[in-house]
Each structure stands twice: as C-alpha cells, then as structure tokens.
Amino acid sequence: MNRLIDPDELEAERAAIEAESIGWLPLENGAYLHVGDRDEEEVVITVTGVPDAGMAGMNVLLLGW
C-alpha cells in the first residue's frame, strides 16, 4: 500500500496543530513557547516535554523529541 504521508510525520504534524490550537507558539521544529500572564513582575519559564491545558497561565517552553 502506498501512503501519502509517513505515519510518524503525520503524528508529528497532528501534535503541532494541537499545540498551536491551544496557544503554543512554534519556535523551531519541536520547540514551542506558551506565554501565560504577560503582566507578571517576575517571569519564570517552565521547560517541559508534554503540553497540558493546566499550564494556561504559565510561561512554558516545550522541547519535543
């Protein structure tokens, strides 16, 4: 069977679309930034490998595989 897209590429694309749809900003391939509260006096960025909707108010850097 001839596939149009490799299953791994399809999964990576799906994950990217999902991350961008909840406000994650793409920086590079596999790296996203989510900016939570821009009015915070002290900015702390949490580095993670799995995006979570509970991080909505946090500044988070996602580094994928």
N, C-alpha and C. Protein backbone atom coordinates (compact mmCIF):
# COMPACT_ATOMS: atom_id res chain seq x y z
N MET A 1 0.83 -1.17 0.00
CA MET A 1 0.00 0.00 0.00
C MET A 1 0.88 1.25 0.00
N ASN A 2 0.57 2.18 -0.86
CA ASN A 2 1.35 3.41 -0.98
C ASN A 2 0.68 4.51 -0.14
N ARG A 3 1.38 5.00 0.88
CA ARG A 3 0.83 6.04 1.75
C ARG A 3 1.30 7.41 1.28
N LEU A 4 0.44 8.41 1.48
CA LEU A 4 0.79 9.77 1.11
C LEU A 4 1.74 10.42 2.10
N ILE A 5 1.63 10.05 3.37
CA ILE A 5 2.47 10.64 4.41
C ILE A 5 2.90 9.53 5.37
N ASP A 6 4.12 9.62 5.81
CA ASP A 6 4.66 8.66 6.78
C ASP A 6 3.88 8.78 8.09
N PRO A 7 3.52 7.67 8.73
CA PRO A 7 2.75 7.74 9.99
C PRO A 7 3.44 8.57 11.08
N ASP A 8 4.76 8.53 11.17
CA ASP A 8 5.46 9.33 12.17
C ASP A 8 5.36 10.82 11.86
N GLU A 9 5.46 11.17 10.57
CA GLU A 9 5.31 12.57 10.16
C GLU A 9 3.89 13.06 10.42
N LEU A 10 2.92 12.19 10.17
CA LEU A 10 1.52 12.54 10.42
C LEU A 10 1.29 12.80 11.91
N GLU A 11 1.85 11.97 12.77
CA GLU A 11 1.71 12.16 14.22
C GLU A 11 2.37 13.45 14.67
N ALA A 12 3.55 13.75 14.13
CA ALA A 12 4.24 15.00 14.48
C ALA A 12 3.43 16.21 14.02
N GLU A 13 2.85 16.14 12.85
CA GLU A 13 2.03 17.24 12.34
C GLU A 13 0.77 17.42 13.18
N ARG A 14 0.15 16.31 13.57
CA ARG A 14 -1.04 16.37 14.42
C ARG A 14 -0.72 17.01 15.77
N ALA A 15 0.41 16.62 16.35
CA ALA A 15 0.82 17.19 17.63
C ALA A 15 1.10 18.69 17.51
N ALA A 16 1.71 19.11 16.40
CA ALA A 16 2.00 20.53 16.18
C ALA A 16 0.70 21.33 16.04
N ILE A 17 -0.25 20.81 15.30
CA ILE A 17 -1.53 21.50 15.13
C ILE A 17 -2.26 21.62 16.46
N GLU A 18 -2.23 20.55 17.24
CA GLU A 18 -2.88 20.55 18.56
C GLU A 18 -2.24 21.59 19.48
N ALA A 19 -0.92 21.63 19.50
CA ALA A 19 -0.21 22.59 20.37
C ALA A 19 -0.51 24.03 19.96
N GLU A 20 -0.49 24.31 18.66
CA GLU A 20 -0.75 25.67 18.18
C GLU A 20 -2.19 26.07 18.44
N SER A 21 -3.12 25.11 18.42
CA SER A 21 -4.53 25.44 18.62
C SER A 21 -4.84 25.87 20.05
N ILE A 22 -3.97 25.53 21.01
CA ILE A 22 -4.19 25.95 22.40
C ILE A 22 -3.22 27.06 22.82
N GLY A 23 -2.64 27.75 21.83
CA GLY A 23 -1.86 28.95 22.13
C GLY A 23 -0.36 28.79 22.21
N TRP A 24 0.18 27.62 21.89
CA TRP A 24 1.63 27.44 21.90
C TRP A 24 2.21 28.06 20.63
N LEU A 25 3.28 28.83 20.75
CA LEU A 25 3.92 29.49 19.62
C LEU A 25 5.10 28.67 19.13
N PRO A 26 5.11 28.29 17.84
CA PRO A 26 6.23 27.49 17.34
C PRO A 26 7.50 28.34 17.25
N LEU A 27 8.60 27.82 17.80
CA LEU A 27 9.90 28.50 17.72
C LEU A 27 10.77 27.85 16.65
N GLU A 28 10.84 26.54 16.69
CA GLU A 28 11.60 25.71 15.76
C GLU A 28 10.89 24.39 15.66
N ASN A 29 11.40 23.51 14.84
CA ASN A 29 10.83 22.18 14.75
C ASN A 29 10.95 21.49 16.10
N GLY A 30 9.81 21.19 16.74
CA GLY A 30 9.82 20.51 18.03
C GLY A 30 9.98 21.41 19.24
N ALA A 31 9.97 22.73 19.06
CA ALA A 31 10.10 23.66 20.18
C ALA A 31 8.98 24.70 20.14
N TYR A 32 8.25 24.82 21.24
CA TYR A 32 7.13 25.76 21.33
C TYR A 32 7.23 26.56 22.61
N LEU A 33 6.67 27.76 22.59
CA LEU A 33 6.63 28.62 23.76
C LEU A 33 5.18 28.99 24.04
N HIS A 34 4.79 28.90 25.30
CA HIS A 34 3.46 29.36 25.71
C HIS A 34 3.68 30.48 26.72
N VAL A 35 3.16 31.66 26.40
CA VAL A 35 3.28 32.81 27.28
C VAL A 35 1.98 32.94 28.05
N GLY A 36 2.07 32.84 29.35
CA GLY A 36 0.88 32.90 30.20
C GLY A 36 0.50 34.33 30.50
N ASP A 37 0.73 34.77 31.70
CA ASP A 37 0.37 36.11 32.15
C ASP A 37 1.50 37.08 31.81
N ARG A 38 1.27 37.94 30.84
CA ARG A 38 2.32 38.87 30.39
C ARG A 38 2.56 40.00 31.38
N ASP A 39 1.68 40.15 32.36
CA ASP A 39 1.81 41.24 33.33
C ASP A 39 2.54 40.83 34.60
N GLU A 40 3.10 39.63 34.62
CA GLU A 40 3.82 39.17 35.81
C GLU A 40 5.06 40.03 36.04
N GLU A 41 5.33 40.30 37.31
CA GLU A 41 6.50 41.08 37.65
C GLU A 41 7.78 40.27 37.43
N GLU A 42 7.74 39.02 37.86
CA GLU A 42 8.88 38.12 37.71
C GLU A 42 8.48 37.01 36.74
N VAL A 43 9.22 36.87 35.65
CA VAL A 43 8.90 35.86 34.65
C VAL A 43 9.71 34.59 34.91
N VAL A 44 9.03 33.48 35.06
CA VAL A 44 9.64 32.18 35.23
C VAL A 44 9.14 31.31 34.08
N ILE A 45 10.06 30.69 33.36
CA ILE A 45 9.69 29.82 32.25
C ILE A 45 9.95 28.38 32.67
N THR A 46 8.90 27.56 32.59
CA THR A 46 8.99 26.15 32.91
C THR A 46 9.30 25.39 31.63
N VAL A 47 10.32 24.53 31.66
CA VAL A 47 10.68 23.72 30.49
C VAL A 47 10.03 22.36 30.66
N THR A 48 9.31 21.93 29.63
CA THR A 48 8.57 20.68 29.70
C THR A 48 8.65 19.92 28.39
N GLY A 49 8.19 18.71 28.38
CA GLY A 49 8.16 17.91 27.16
C GLY A 49 6.75 17.52 26.77
N VAL A 50 5.76 17.86 27.60
CA VAL A 50 4.39 17.50 27.31
C VAL A 50 3.48 18.70 27.60
N PRO A 51 2.79 19.23 26.57
CA PRO A 51 1.88 20.35 26.83
C PRO A 51 0.66 19.87 27.60
N ASP A 52 0.15 20.74 28.45
CA ASP A 52 -1.01 20.40 29.26
C ASP A 52 -1.89 21.64 29.36
N ALA A 53 -3.20 21.46 29.24
CA ALA A 53 -4.12 22.59 29.30
C ALA A 53 -4.05 23.32 30.64
N GLY A 54 -3.61 22.65 31.69
CA GLY A 54 -3.48 23.27 33.00
C GLY A 54 -2.36 24.31 33.08
N MET A 55 -1.55 24.41 32.03
CA MET A 55 -0.45 25.37 32.00
C MET A 55 -0.88 26.71 31.41
N ALA A 56 -2.17 26.93 31.26
CA ALA A 56 -2.69 28.11 30.56
C ALA A 56 -2.16 29.43 31.11
N GLY A 57 -1.95 29.56 32.40
CA GLY A 57 -1.48 30.81 32.98
C GLY A 57 0.03 30.87 33.20
N MET A 58 0.73 29.87 32.69
CA MET A 58 2.19 29.76 32.93
C MET A 58 2.97 30.12 31.68
N ASN A 59 4.22 30.49 31.87
CA ASN A 59 5.16 30.66 30.76
C ASN A 59 5.91 29.35 30.64
N VAL A 60 5.74 28.68 29.49
CA VAL A 60 6.27 27.32 29.34
C VAL A 60 7.01 27.17 28.02
N LEU A 61 8.18 26.54 28.04
CA LEU A 61 8.93 26.20 26.85
C LEU A 61 8.83 24.70 26.66
N LEU A 62 8.27 24.27 25.53
CA LEU A 62 8.11 22.87 25.23
C LEU A 62 9.21 22.45 24.26
N LEU A 63 10.01 21.48 24.67
CA LEU A 63 11.05 20.94 23.79
C LEU A 63 10.65 19.52 23.46
N GLY A 64 10.30 19.29 22.20
CA GLY A 64 9.85 17.98 21.75
C GLY A 64 11.01 17.09 21.37
N TRP A 65 10.66 15.92 20.94
CA TRP A 65 11.67 14.94 20.59
C TRP A 65 11.95 14.95 19.15
